[in-house]
Amino acid sequence: MLKASDIMTQDVATIKGSATVAEAVKLMKWKELRALIVETRTPQDAYGIVTHTDIITKVVAYGKDPEKLRVYEIMTKPCIVVNPDLGVEYVARLFANTGIRIAPVIQGELLGIISESDILYKGDFLENPKQPLLQRQLAAAIEEARNLAASYGPTSKQCLDAWALADELEAEAVYQAGVVPPEKTAFQIFCDEYPEVLQIHHKELAAV
């Protein structure tokens, strides 16, 4: 599964919030970038971002003078950031849920920048769509859990650990598909077959 760090653009340019919008535009043209990351002033400060859209909708559209306007007046700060270990499909969902199209990739420091174009052109969603992959993983996990139940018993730790994984995969598969959850999960069906498993499961939950 590809992560944000696998497809991000490492050539990211930064600019001070005090710079003029004209300076930002010149840097964007020179680097051929759609966005600039606004530098932090202190270790506790947040990163900001200024994009083509900010300049077009907040400066050009109102005829403002880019030589007099400062970056901090049109930037977004703090901006939404992406962890480099985040799966690409979750980056896409983050973009969909927030309406953003580009975000810095940060883990302690600025590592790169990721955009819709990176997801579209560098992602592997054509070759490896997430839903079929999850369904295959879920089927394999359920089979493994049932095999462990046959080998070690339905209440064995090996079996219960395997079902915990299968349960997580099934929840993720339902979430990714955006469908109504099934009336009973695979684990619940297994518990109907072996009621003693449900008793142990309830005890474990109560102990947490």
N, C-alpha and C. Protein backbone atom coordinates (compact mmCIF):
# COMPACT_ATOMS: atom_id res chain seq x y z
N MET A 1 0.85 -1.19 0.00
CA MET A 1 0.00 0.00 0.00
C MET A 1 0.89 1.25 0.00
N LEU A 2 0.66 2.13 -0.96
CA LEU A 2 1.46 3.34 -1.04
C LEU A 2 1.13 4.32 0.08
N LYS A 3 2.15 5.02 0.53
CA LYS A 3 2.01 6.03 1.57
C LYS A 3 2.24 7.41 0.95
N ALA A 4 1.90 8.44 1.72
CA ALA A 4 2.10 9.81 1.25
C ALA A 4 3.55 10.05 0.86
N SER A 5 4.49 9.50 1.64
CA SER A 5 5.91 9.69 1.37
C SER A 5 6.35 9.08 0.05
N ASP A 6 5.58 8.08 -0.44
CA ASP A 6 5.94 7.41 -1.68
C ASP A 6 5.62 8.25 -2.92
N ILE A 7 4.64 9.14 -2.80
CA ILE A 7 4.22 9.88 -3.99
C ILE A 7 4.36 11.39 -3.84
N MET A 8 4.76 11.87 -2.67
CA MET A 8 4.87 13.31 -2.46
C MET A 8 5.96 13.91 -3.35
N THR A 9 5.86 15.21 -3.56
CA THR A 9 6.88 15.95 -4.28
C THR A 9 7.85 16.53 -3.27
N GLN A 10 9.11 16.19 -3.40
CA GLN A 10 10.10 16.65 -2.42
C GLN A 10 10.59 18.05 -2.72
N ASP A 11 10.42 18.49 -3.96
CA ASP A 11 10.84 19.84 -4.33
C ASP A 11 9.79 20.82 -3.86
N VAL A 12 9.90 21.24 -2.61
CA VAL A 12 8.93 22.16 -2.02
C VAL A 12 9.64 23.46 -1.68
N ALA A 13 8.99 24.56 -2.00
CA ALA A 13 9.59 25.87 -1.74
C ALA A 13 8.87 26.55 -0.58
N THR A 14 9.63 27.28 0.21
CA THR A 14 9.06 28.00 1.35
C THR A 14 9.23 29.50 1.16
N ILE A 15 8.42 30.24 1.89
CA ILE A 15 8.48 31.69 1.81
C ILE A 15 8.09 32.25 3.17
N LYS A 16 8.58 33.43 3.48
CA LYS A 16 8.23 34.08 4.74
C LYS A 16 6.85 34.71 4.63
N GLY A 17 6.15 34.76 5.75
CA GLY A 17 4.84 35.39 5.74
C GLY A 17 4.91 36.87 5.45
N SER A 18 6.05 37.46 5.71
CA SER A 18 6.22 38.90 5.50
C SER A 18 6.55 39.25 4.05
N ALA A 19 6.82 38.25 3.22
CA ALA A 19 7.13 38.50 1.81
C ALA A 19 5.90 39.06 1.11
N THR A 20 6.11 39.77 0.02
CA THR A 20 4.98 40.28 -0.74
C THR A 20 4.38 39.19 -1.61
N VAL A 21 3.15 39.39 -1.98
CA VAL A 21 2.49 38.43 -2.87
C VAL A 21 3.22 38.39 -4.21
N ALA A 22 3.74 39.54 -4.65
CA ALA A 22 4.49 39.59 -5.91
C ALA A 22 5.70 38.67 -5.84
N GLU A 23 6.39 38.66 -4.70
CA GLU A 23 7.54 37.78 -4.52
C GLU A 23 7.11 36.32 -4.55
N ALA A 24 5.96 36.04 -3.96
CA ALA A 24 5.43 34.68 -3.97
C ALA A 24 5.13 34.22 -5.39
N VAL A 25 4.52 35.08 -6.18
CA VAL A 25 4.19 34.74 -7.56
C VAL A 25 5.45 34.48 -8.38
N LYS A 26 6.47 35.33 -8.19
CA LYS A 26 7.73 35.14 -8.92
C LYS A 26 8.37 33.80 -8.56
N LEU A 27 8.32 33.43 -7.28
CA LEU A 27 8.90 32.16 -6.85
C LEU A 27 8.12 30.98 -7.42
N MET A 28 6.79 31.10 -7.44
CA MET A 28 5.95 30.05 -8.03
C MET A 28 6.26 29.86 -9.51
N LYS A 29 6.40 30.98 -10.22
CA LYS A 29 6.71 30.90 -11.66
C LYS A 29 8.07 30.27 -11.89
N TRP A 30 9.05 30.69 -11.11
CA TRP A 30 10.41 30.20 -11.28
C TRP A 30 10.51 28.71 -11.00
N LYS A 31 9.82 28.27 -9.94
CA LYS A 31 9.87 26.86 -9.53
C LYS A 31 8.79 26.01 -10.21
N GLU A 32 7.84 26.69 -10.90
CA GLU A 32 6.70 26.02 -11.52
C GLU A 32 5.91 25.23 -10.47
N LEU A 33 5.52 25.94 -9.41
CA LEU A 33 4.79 25.34 -8.30
C LEU A 33 3.41 25.94 -8.17
N ARG A 34 2.49 25.15 -7.62
CA ARG A 34 1.12 25.62 -7.38
C ARG A 34 0.95 26.18 -5.98
N ALA A 35 1.91 25.92 -5.10
CA ALA A 35 1.77 26.36 -3.72
C ALA A 35 3.15 26.56 -3.09
N LEU A 36 3.19 27.42 -2.10
CA LEU A 36 4.39 27.64 -1.31
C LEU A 36 4.04 27.41 0.15
N ILE A 37 4.96 26.85 0.90
CA ILE A 37 4.76 26.65 2.32
C ILE A 37 5.31 27.88 3.05
N VAL A 38 4.52 28.41 3.94
CA VAL A 38 4.94 29.59 4.70
C VAL A 38 5.74 29.14 5.91
N GLU A 39 6.95 29.66 6.02
CA GLU A 39 7.89 29.22 7.05
C GLU A 39 7.36 29.52 8.46
N THR A 40 7.79 28.70 9.39
CA THR A 40 7.48 28.94 10.80
C THR A 40 8.48 29.95 11.36
N ARG A 41 8.07 30.67 12.38
CA ARG A 41 8.97 31.66 13.00
C ARG A 41 9.68 31.07 14.21
N THR A 42 9.04 30.11 14.87
CA THR A 42 9.61 29.46 16.05
C THR A 42 9.28 27.98 15.98
N PRO A 43 9.95 27.14 16.78
CA PRO A 43 9.63 25.71 16.79
C PRO A 43 8.18 25.41 17.17
N GLN A 44 7.55 26.32 17.91
CA GLN A 44 6.16 26.11 18.33
C GLN A 44 5.16 26.66 17.32
N ASP A 45 5.65 27.35 16.32
CA ASP A 45 4.78 27.98 15.33
C ASP A 45 4.23 26.93 14.37
N ALA A 46 3.12 27.26 13.72
CA ALA A 46 2.51 26.36 12.73
C ALA A 46 2.90 26.76 11.32
N TYR A 47 2.94 25.77 10.44
CA TYR A 47 3.18 26.06 9.03
C TYR A 47 1.93 26.67 8.41
N GLY A 48 2.14 27.48 7.39
CA GLY A 48 1.05 28.03 6.61
C GLY A 48 1.23 27.62 5.15
N ILE A 49 0.28 27.97 4.32
CA ILE A 49 0.37 27.66 2.89
C ILE A 49 -0.29 28.77 2.09
N VAL A 50 0.28 29.08 0.95
CA VAL A 50 -0.32 30.03 0.02
C VAL A 50 -0.33 29.37 -1.35
N THR A 51 -1.46 29.39 -2.01
CA THR A 51 -1.64 28.65 -3.26
C THR A 51 -2.03 29.58 -4.41
N HIS A 52 -2.01 28.99 -5.61
CA HIS A 52 -2.49 29.73 -6.78
C HIS A 52 -3.90 30.25 -6.53
N THR A 53 -4.73 29.40 -5.95
CA THR A 53 -6.13 29.77 -5.71
C THR A 53 -6.22 30.97 -4.79
N ASP A 54 -5.39 31.01 -3.74
CA ASP A 54 -5.39 32.16 -2.83
C ASP A 54 -5.09 33.45 -3.59
N ILE A 55 -4.10 33.39 -4.46
CA ILE A 55 -3.69 34.59 -5.20
C ILE A 55 -4.76 35.02 -6.19
N ILE A 56 -5.34 34.06 -6.88
CA ILE A 56 -6.37 34.39 -7.88
C ILE A 56 -7.63 34.93 -7.23
N THR A 57 -8.10 34.25 -6.16
CA THR A 57 -9.39 34.62 -5.56
C THR A 57 -9.31 35.78 -4.56
N LYS A 58 -8.13 36.00 -3.98
CA LYS A 58 -8.02 37.05 -2.96
C LYS A 58 -7.25 38.30 -3.43
N VAL A 59 -6.53 38.15 -4.52
CA VAL A 59 -5.74 39.28 -5.02
C VAL A 59 -6.19 39.70 -6.41
N VAL A 60 -6.03 38.80 -7.38
CA VAL A 60 -6.36 39.13 -8.76
C VAL A 60 -7.83 39.50 -8.91
N ALA A 61 -8.71 38.72 -8.29
CA ALA A 61 -10.16 38.93 -8.45
C ALA A 61 -10.62 40.29 -7.95
N TYR A 62 -9.86 40.90 -7.04
CA TYR A 62 -10.26 42.19 -6.48
C TYR A 62 -9.32 43.32 -6.89
N GLY A 63 -8.43 43.04 -7.84
CA GLY A 63 -7.57 44.08 -8.37
C GLY A 63 -6.59 44.65 -7.36
N LYS A 64 -6.22 43.88 -6.34
CA LYS A 64 -5.31 44.37 -5.32
C LYS A 64 -3.87 44.38 -5.84
N ASP A 65 -3.05 45.23 -5.25
CA ASP A 65 -1.66 45.38 -5.68
C ASP A 65 -0.79 44.31 -5.01
N PRO A 66 -0.28 43.35 -5.78
CA PRO A 66 0.53 42.28 -5.19
C PRO A 66 1.86 42.77 -4.63
N GLU A 67 2.29 43.95 -5.03
CA GLU A 67 3.55 44.50 -4.51
C GLU A 67 3.36 45.03 -3.09
N LYS A 68 2.14 45.35 -2.73
CA LYS A 68 1.87 45.91 -1.40
C LYS A 68 1.27 44.89 -0.45
N LEU A 69 0.62 43.88 -0.99
CA LEU A 69 -0.03 42.87 -0.16
C LEU A 69 1.00 41.84 0.31
N ARG A 70 0.89 41.43 1.56
CA ARG A 70 1.83 40.46 2.13
C ARG A 70 1.23 39.05 2.11
N VAL A 71 2.11 38.07 2.09
CA VAL A 71 1.67 36.68 2.06
C VAL A 71 0.79 36.35 3.25
N TYR A 72 1.13 36.86 4.44
CA TYR A 72 0.37 36.51 5.64
C TYR A 72 -1.08 36.98 5.57
N GLU A 73 -1.36 37.92 4.65
CA GLU A 73 -2.71 38.45 4.52
C GLU A 73 -3.62 37.52 3.72
N ILE A 74 -3.05 36.62 2.96
CA ILE A 74 -3.88 35.73 2.13
C ILE A 74 -3.62 34.25 2.39
N MET A 75 -2.63 33.93 3.21
CA MET A 75 -2.29 32.52 3.44
C MET A 75 -3.31 31.83 4.32
N THR A 76 -3.23 30.52 4.39
CA THR A 76 -3.99 29.71 5.35
C THR A 76 -3.01 29.22 6.41
N LYS A 77 -3.30 29.55 7.67
CA LYS A 77 -2.42 29.15 8.77
C LYS A 77 -3.24 29.01 10.04
N PRO A 78 -3.11 27.89 10.77
CA PRO A 78 -2.31 26.71 10.39
C PRO A 78 -2.97 25.97 9.23
N CYS A 79 -2.17 25.32 8.44
CA CYS A 79 -2.72 24.57 7.31
C CYS A 79 -2.83 23.09 7.69
N ILE A 80 -3.67 22.39 6.97
CA ILE A 80 -3.80 20.95 7.17
C ILE A 80 -2.52 20.28 6.68
N VAL A 81 -1.96 19.41 7.51
CA VAL A 81 -0.72 18.73 7.14
C VAL A 81 -0.96 17.23 7.05
N VAL A 82 -0.09 16.56 6.32
CA VAL A 82 -0.21 15.12 6.09
C VAL A 82 1.00 14.41 6.69
N ASN A 83 0.74 13.32 7.43
CA ASN A 83 1.82 12.48 7.94
C ASN A 83 2.38 11.65 6.79
N PRO A 84 3.71 11.52 6.68
CA PRO A 84 4.28 10.77 5.57
C PRO A 84 3.87 9.31 5.52
N ASP A 85 3.45 8.74 6.66
CA ASP A 85 3.06 7.34 6.72
C ASP A 85 1.57 7.12 6.40
N LEU A 86 0.84 8.19 6.16
CA LEU A 86 -0.60 8.06 5.87
C LEU A 86 -0.80 7.43 4.51
N GLY A 87 -1.70 6.44 4.44
CA GLY A 87 -2.01 5.77 3.17
C GLY A 87 -2.57 6.76 2.17
N VAL A 88 -2.25 6.55 0.90
CA VAL A 88 -2.66 7.49 -0.15
C VAL A 88 -4.17 7.63 -0.21
N GLU A 89 -4.90 6.52 -0.03
CA GLU A 89 -6.37 6.62 -0.09
C GLU A 89 -6.91 7.51 1.02
N TYR A 90 -6.20 7.56 2.16
CA TYR A 90 -6.65 8.42 3.26
C TYR A 90 -6.28 9.88 3.00
N VAL A 91 -5.20 10.09 2.27
CA VAL A 91 -4.88 11.46 1.84
C VAL A 91 -5.99 11.96 0.92
N ALA A 92 -6.41 11.09 0.00
CA ALA A 92 -7.49 11.45 -0.93
C ALA A 92 -8.78 11.75 -0.17
N ARG A 93 -9.06 10.94 0.86
CA ARG A 93 -10.28 11.17 1.64
C ARG A 93 -10.18 12.45 2.46
N LEU A 94 -8.99 12.74 2.96
CA LEU A 94 -8.76 14.00 3.68
C LEU A 94 -9.03 15.18 2.77
N PHE A 95 -8.54 15.09 1.54
CA PHE A 95 -8.78 16.16 0.57
C PHE A 95 -10.28 16.29 0.28
N ALA A 96 -10.94 15.16 0.11
CA ALA A 96 -12.38 15.18 -0.19
C ALA A 96 -13.18 15.79 0.95
N ASN A 97 -12.81 15.45 2.19
CA ASN A 97 -13.57 15.90 3.36
C ASN A 97 -13.32 17.36 3.69
N THR A 98 -12.15 17.88 3.34
CA THR A 98 -11.80 19.25 3.71
C THR A 98 -11.87 20.24 2.56
N GLY A 99 -11.89 19.72 1.33
CA GLY A 99 -11.95 20.60 0.17
C GLY A 99 -10.60 21.14 -0.27
N ILE A 100 -9.52 20.71 0.37
CA ILE A 100 -8.20 21.18 -0.03
C ILE A 100 -7.68 20.34 -1.19
N ARG A 101 -6.69 20.86 -1.90
CA ARG A 101 -6.15 20.16 -3.05
C ARG A 101 -4.66 19.88 -2.92
N ILE A 102 -4.06 20.45 -1.90
CA ILE A 102 -2.61 20.30 -1.72
C ILE A 102 -2.27 20.53 -0.25
N ALA A 103 -1.27 19.81 0.27
CA ALA A 103 -0.92 19.95 1.68
C ALA A 103 0.54 19.58 1.89
N PRO A 104 1.20 20.21 2.86
CA PRO A 104 2.58 19.83 3.17
C PRO A 104 2.63 18.49 3.88
N VAL A 105 3.71 17.75 3.64
CA VAL A 105 3.95 16.49 4.33
C VAL A 105 4.97 16.77 5.43
N ILE A 106 4.56 16.56 6.67
CA ILE A 106 5.38 16.98 7.81
C ILE A 106 5.46 15.87 8.85
N GLN A 107 6.64 15.64 9.34
CA GLN A 107 6.86 14.78 10.50
C GLN A 107 8.06 15.34 11.26
N GLY A 108 7.77 16.27 12.14
CA GLY A 108 8.85 16.97 12.83
C GLY A 108 9.41 18.10 12.01
N GLU A 109 9.57 17.86 10.72
CA GLU A 109 10.07 18.87 9.80
C GLU A 109 9.34 18.74 8.47
N LEU A 110 9.51 19.74 7.63
CA LEU A 110 8.88 19.73 6.31
C LEU A 110 9.61 18.75 5.40
N LEU A 111 8.89 17.73 4.92
CA LEU A 111 9.49 16.68 4.09
C LEU A 111 9.16 16.83 2.62
N GLY A 112 8.00 17.40 2.34
CA GLY A 112 7.57 17.52 0.95
C GLY A 112 6.18 18.11 0.88
N ILE A 113 5.55 17.94 -0.26
CA ILE A 113 4.20 18.45 -0.46
C ILE A 113 3.45 17.44 -1.32
N ILE A 114 2.17 17.27 -1.07
CA ILE A 114 1.37 16.29 -1.81
C ILE A 114 0.11 16.96 -2.34
N SER A 115 -0.23 16.64 -3.56
CA SER A 115 -1.37 17.29 -4.21
C SER A 115 -2.27 16.27 -4.88
N GLU A 116 -3.39 16.76 -5.38
CA GLU A 116 -4.30 15.89 -6.14
C GLU A 116 -3.58 15.29 -7.35
N SER A 117 -2.70 16.06 -7.97
CA SER A 117 -1.98 15.56 -9.14
C SER A 117 -1.06 14.40 -8.76
N ASP A 118 -0.41 14.49 -7.60
CA ASP A 118 0.44 13.39 -7.14
C ASP A 118 -0.39 12.12 -6.97
N ILE A 119 -1.57 12.27 -6.36
CA ILE A 119 -2.44 11.11 -6.14
C ILE A 119 -2.89 10.52 -7.47
N LEU A 120 -3.25 11.39 -8.41
CA LEU A 120 -3.78 10.93 -9.70
C LEU A 120 -2.72 10.26 -10.56
N TYR A 121 -1.53 10.86 -10.60
CA TYR A 121 -0.51 10.39 -11.55
C TYR A 121 0.51 9.44 -10.94
N LYS A 122 0.67 9.45 -9.62
CA LYS A 122 1.67 8.58 -8.99
C LYS A 122 1.05 7.48 -8.14
N GLY A 123 -0.24 7.59 -7.86
CA GLY A 123 -0.91 6.58 -7.05
C GLY A 123 -1.09 5.27 -7.80
N ASP A 124 -1.45 4.23 -7.06
CA ASP A 124 -1.63 2.91 -7.68
C ASP A 124 -3.08 2.45 -7.61
N PHE A 125 -4.01 3.42 -7.58
CA PHE A 125 -5.43 3.04 -7.42
C PHE A 125 -5.97 2.31 -8.63
N LEU A 126 -5.33 2.47 -9.80
CA LEU A 126 -5.78 1.73 -10.98
C LEU A 126 -5.38 0.26 -10.88
N GLU A 127 -4.13 0.05 -10.44
CA GLU A 127 -3.62 -1.32 -10.34
C GLU A 127 -4.09 -2.03 -9.07
N ASN A 128 -4.22 -1.27 -7.99
CA ASN A 128 -4.56 -1.86 -6.69
C ASN A 128 -5.66 -1.07 -5.98
N PRO A 129 -6.87 -1.11 -6.50
CA PRO A 129 -7.96 -0.41 -5.80
C PRO A 129 -8.15 -0.98 -4.40
N LYS A 130 -8.41 -0.12 -3.44
CA LYS A 130 -8.39 -0.52 -2.03
C LYS A 130 -9.51 -1.50 -1.68
N GLN A 131 -10.71 -1.32 -2.19
CA GLN A 131 -11.83 -2.17 -1.77
C GLN A 131 -11.61 -3.65 -2.11
N PRO A 132 -11.25 -4.00 -3.35
CA PRO A 132 -10.99 -5.43 -3.63
C PRO A 132 -9.86 -5.99 -2.80
N LEU A 133 -8.82 -5.17 -2.55
CA LEU A 133 -7.70 -5.63 -1.72
C LEU A 133 -8.17 -5.93 -0.30
N LEU A 134 -8.98 -5.06 0.25
CA LEU A 134 -9.51 -5.28 1.60
C LEU A 134 -10.38 -6.53 1.66
N GLN A 135 -11.17 -6.74 0.63
CA GLN A 135 -12.03 -7.93 0.61
C GLN A 135 -11.21 -9.20 0.58
N ARG A 136 -10.11 -9.18 -0.17
CA ARG A 136 -9.24 -10.36 -0.21
C ARG A 136 -8.56 -10.58 1.14
N GLN A 137 -8.10 -9.48 1.74
CA GLN A 137 -7.46 -9.59 3.05
C GLN A 137 -8.45 -10.08 4.10
N LEU A 138 -9.70 -9.60 4.02
CA LEU A 138 -10.73 -10.01 4.97
C LEU A 138 -11.04 -11.50 4.83
N ALA A 139 -11.20 -11.95 3.60
CA ALA A 139 -11.50 -13.37 3.37
C ALA A 139 -10.38 -14.26 3.91
N ALA A 140 -9.13 -13.83 3.69
CA ALA A 140 -7.98 -14.59 4.17
C ALA A 140 -7.93 -14.59 5.70
N ALA A 141 -8.27 -13.45 6.32
CA ALA A 141 -8.23 -13.35 7.78
C ALA A 141 -9.32 -14.22 8.42
N ILE A 142 -10.49 -14.25 7.81
CA ILE A 142 -11.58 -15.09 8.34
C ILE A 142 -11.21 -16.56 8.22
N GLU A 143 -10.64 -16.93 7.08
CA GLU A 143 -10.22 -18.32 6.90
C GLU A 143 -9.16 -18.71 7.93
N GLU A 144 -8.21 -17.81 8.16
CA GLU A 144 -7.15 -18.08 9.13
C GLU A 144 -7.73 -18.23 10.54
N ALA A 145 -8.68 -17.36 10.91
CA ALA A 145 -9.30 -17.44 12.23
C ALA A 145 -10.03 -18.75 12.43
N ARG A 146 -10.72 -19.19 11.39
CA ARG A 146 -11.46 -20.45 11.51
C ARG A 146 -10.50 -21.64 11.55
N ASN A 147 -9.41 -21.55 10.81
CA ASN A 147 -8.40 -22.63 10.87
C ASN A 147 -7.77 -22.72 12.26
N LEU A 148 -7.52 -21.58 12.87
CA LEU A 148 -6.95 -21.56 14.22
C LEU A 148 -7.95 -22.09 15.24
N ALA A 149 -9.23 -21.81 14.99
CA ALA A 149 -10.26 -22.33 15.89
C ALA A 149 -10.27 -23.86 15.83
N ALA A 150 -10.10 -24.39 14.63
CA ALA A 150 -10.09 -25.85 14.46
C ALA A 150 -8.84 -26.48 15.07
N SER A 151 -7.72 -25.75 15.01
CA SER A 151 -6.45 -26.30 15.50
C SER A 151 -6.27 -26.13 17.01
N TYR A 152 -6.64 -24.95 17.53
CA TYR A 152 -6.37 -24.65 18.94
C TYR A 152 -7.62 -24.47 19.80
N GLY A 153 -8.77 -24.45 19.16
CA GLY A 153 -10.02 -24.25 19.90
C GLY A 153 -10.54 -22.84 19.71
N PRO A 154 -11.86 -22.68 19.71
CA PRO A 154 -12.48 -21.38 19.43
C PRO A 154 -12.18 -20.31 20.49
N THR A 155 -11.81 -20.73 21.71
CA THR A 155 -11.55 -19.75 22.75
C THR A 155 -10.04 -19.54 22.98
N SER A 156 -9.21 -20.11 22.13
CA SER A 156 -7.76 -19.96 22.29
C SER A 156 -7.35 -18.52 21.97
N LYS A 157 -6.23 -18.13 22.55
CA LYS A 157 -5.72 -16.78 22.30
C LYS A 157 -5.40 -16.58 20.82
N GLN A 158 -4.83 -17.59 20.18
CA GLN A 158 -4.50 -17.49 18.76
C GLN A 158 -5.74 -17.20 17.93
N CYS A 159 -6.80 -17.93 18.25
CA CYS A 159 -8.05 -17.75 17.52
C CYS A 159 -8.66 -16.37 17.76
N LEU A 160 -8.71 -15.96 19.02
CA LEU A 160 -9.32 -14.67 19.35
C LEU A 160 -8.53 -13.50 18.77
N ASP A 161 -7.20 -13.62 18.76
CA ASP A 161 -6.37 -12.57 18.15
C ASP A 161 -6.63 -12.47 16.66
N ALA A 162 -6.79 -13.64 16.03
CA ALA A 162 -7.06 -13.66 14.59
C ALA A 162 -8.41 -13.03 14.28
N TRP A 163 -9.40 -13.30 15.14
CA TRP A 163 -10.72 -12.71 14.93
C TRP A 163 -10.72 -11.21 15.17
N ALA A 164 -9.87 -10.76 16.09
CA ALA A 164 -9.75 -9.31 16.34
C ALA A 164 -9.27 -8.62 15.06
N LEU A 165 -8.28 -9.23 14.39
CA LEU A 165 -7.79 -8.67 13.13
C LEU A 165 -8.87 -8.71 12.06
N ALA A 166 -9.58 -9.82 11.96
CA ALA A 166 -10.65 -9.94 10.96
C ALA A 166 -11.74 -8.91 11.19
N ASP A 167 -12.06 -8.68 12.45
CA ASP A 167 -13.10 -7.70 12.80
C ASP A 167 -12.69 -6.30 12.38
N GLU A 168 -11.42 -5.96 12.60
CA GLU A 168 -10.91 -4.64 12.19
C GLU A 168 -10.94 -4.50 10.67
N LEU A 169 -10.54 -5.55 9.97
CA LEU A 169 -10.55 -5.51 8.51
C LEU A 169 -11.97 -5.37 7.96
N GLU A 170 -12.92 -6.06 8.59
CA GLU A 170 -14.30 -5.96 8.12
C GLU A 170 -14.86 -4.56 8.34
N ALA A 171 -14.53 -3.96 9.48
CA ALA A 171 -14.97 -2.59 9.76
C ALA A 171 -14.38 -1.62 8.74
N GLU A 172 -13.11 -1.81 8.43
CA GLU A 172 -12.44 -0.96 7.46
C GLU A 172 -13.04 -1.15 6.07
N ALA A 173 -13.34 -2.38 5.71
CA ALA A 173 -13.91 -2.67 4.39
C ALA A 173 -15.29 -2.01 4.23
N VAL A 174 -16.09 -2.06 5.28
CA VAL A 174 -17.42 -1.43 5.24
C VAL A 174 -17.27 0.08 5.14
N TYR A 175 -16.31 0.63 5.89
CA TYR A 175 -16.09 2.08 5.87
C TYR A 175 -15.64 2.53 4.49
N GLN A 176 -14.69 1.81 3.90
CA GLN A 176 -14.17 2.18 2.59
C GLN A 176 -15.26 2.10 1.52
N ALA A 177 -16.11 1.09 1.62
CA ALA A 177 -17.16 0.90 0.61
C ALA A 177 -18.30 1.90 0.78
N GLY A 178 -18.43 2.47 1.99
CA GLY A 178 -19.50 3.42 2.25
C GLY A 178 -20.88 2.81 2.18
N VAL A 179 -20.98 1.57 2.64
CA VAL A 179 -22.26 0.85 2.59
C VAL A 179 -22.80 0.66 4.00
N VAL A 180 -24.06 0.22 4.07
CA VAL A 180 -24.67 -0.07 5.37
C VAL A 180 -24.01 -1.32 5.95
N PRO A 181 -23.59 -1.28 7.22
CA PRO A 181 -22.95 -2.45 7.82
C PRO A 181 -23.86 -3.67 7.77
N PRO A 182 -23.30 -4.86 7.64
CA PRO A 182 -24.13 -6.07 7.61
C PRO A 182 -24.84 -6.27 8.94
N GLU A 183 -25.94 -7.01 8.91
CA GLU A 183 -26.70 -7.26 10.13
C GLU A 183 -25.82 -7.94 11.17
N LYS A 184 -24.96 -8.85 10.72
CA LYS A 184 -24.02 -9.52 11.61
C LYS A 184 -22.65 -9.58 10.94
N THR A 185 -21.61 -9.30 11.73
CA THR A 185 -20.26 -9.43 11.20
C THR A 185 -19.87 -10.90 11.18
N ALA A 186 -18.76 -11.20 10.52
CA ALA A 186 -18.25 -12.57 10.47
C ALA A 186 -17.94 -13.08 11.87
N PHE A 187 -17.42 -12.19 12.72
CA PHE A 187 -17.10 -12.59 14.09
C PHE A 187 -18.38 -12.89 14.88
N GLN A 188 -19.41 -12.10 14.68
CA GLN A 188 -20.68 -12.34 15.38
C GLN A 188 -21.30 -13.66 14.94
N ILE A 189 -21.16 -13.98 13.66
CA ILE A 189 -21.66 -15.26 13.17
C ILE A 189 -20.89 -16.41 13.83
N PHE A 190 -19.57 -16.21 13.96
CA PHE A 190 -18.73 -17.21 14.62
C PHE A 190 -19.15 -17.37 16.09
N CYS A 191 -19.47 -16.27 16.73
CA CYS A 191 -19.91 -16.32 18.13
C CYS A 191 -21.25 -17.03 18.28
N ASP A 192 -22.12 -16.91 17.27
CA ASP A 192 -23.39 -17.65 17.29
C ASP A 192 -23.12 -19.15 17.28
N GLU A 193 -22.05 -19.54 16.58
CA GLU A 193 -21.69 -20.95 16.49
C GLU A 193 -21.03 -21.43 17.79
N TYR A 194 -20.28 -20.51 18.42
CA TYR A 194 -19.55 -20.85 19.65
C TYR A 194 -19.85 -19.79 20.71
N PRO A 195 -20.98 -19.91 21.42
CA PRO A 195 -21.40 -18.90 22.41
C PRO A 195 -20.35 -18.65 23.50
N GLU A 196 -19.51 -19.64 23.79
CA GLU A 196 -18.50 -19.46 24.83
C GLU A 196 -17.48 -18.38 24.43
N VAL A 197 -17.31 -18.17 23.14
CA VAL A 197 -16.38 -17.12 22.67
C VAL A 197 -16.91 -15.75 23.05
N LEU A 198 -18.20 -15.56 22.91
CA LEU A 198 -18.81 -14.27 23.23
C LEU A 198 -18.67 -13.96 24.72
N GLN A 199 -18.80 -14.95 25.56
CA GLN A 199 -18.65 -14.75 27.00
C GLN A 199 -17.24 -14.27 27.33
N ILE A 200 -16.23 -14.91 26.73
CA ILE A 200 -14.84 -14.50 26.96
C ILE A 200 -14.61 -13.09 26.41
N HIS A 201 -15.19 -12.81 25.25
CA HIS A 201 -15.03 -11.49 24.62
C HIS A 201 -15.60 -10.41 25.53
N HIS A 202 -16.77 -10.65 26.09
CA HIS A 202 -17.38 -9.67 27.00
C HIS A 202 -16.54 -9.45 28.24
N LYS A 203 -15.94 -10.51 28.76
CA LYS A 203 -15.09 -10.39 29.93
C LYS A 203 -13.87 -9.55 29.64
N GLU A 204 -13.29 -9.74 28.45
CA GLU A 204 -12.12 -8.96 28.03
C GLU A 204 -12.46 -7.50 27.90
N LEU A 205 -13.63 -7.20 27.32
CA LEU A 205 -14.05 -5.81 27.18
C LEU A 205 -14.27 -5.16 28.52
N ALA A 206 -14.85 -5.92 29.46
CA ALA A 206 -15.14 -5.37 30.79
C ALA A 206 -13.84 -5.07 31.55
N ALA A 207 -12.79 -5.84 31.24
CA ALA A 207 -11.52 -5.68 31.95
C ALA A 207 -10.73 -4.49 31.45
N VAL A 208 -11.08 -3.99 30.26
CA VAL A 208 -10.33 -2.87 29.67
C VAL A 208 -10.65 -1.57 30.41
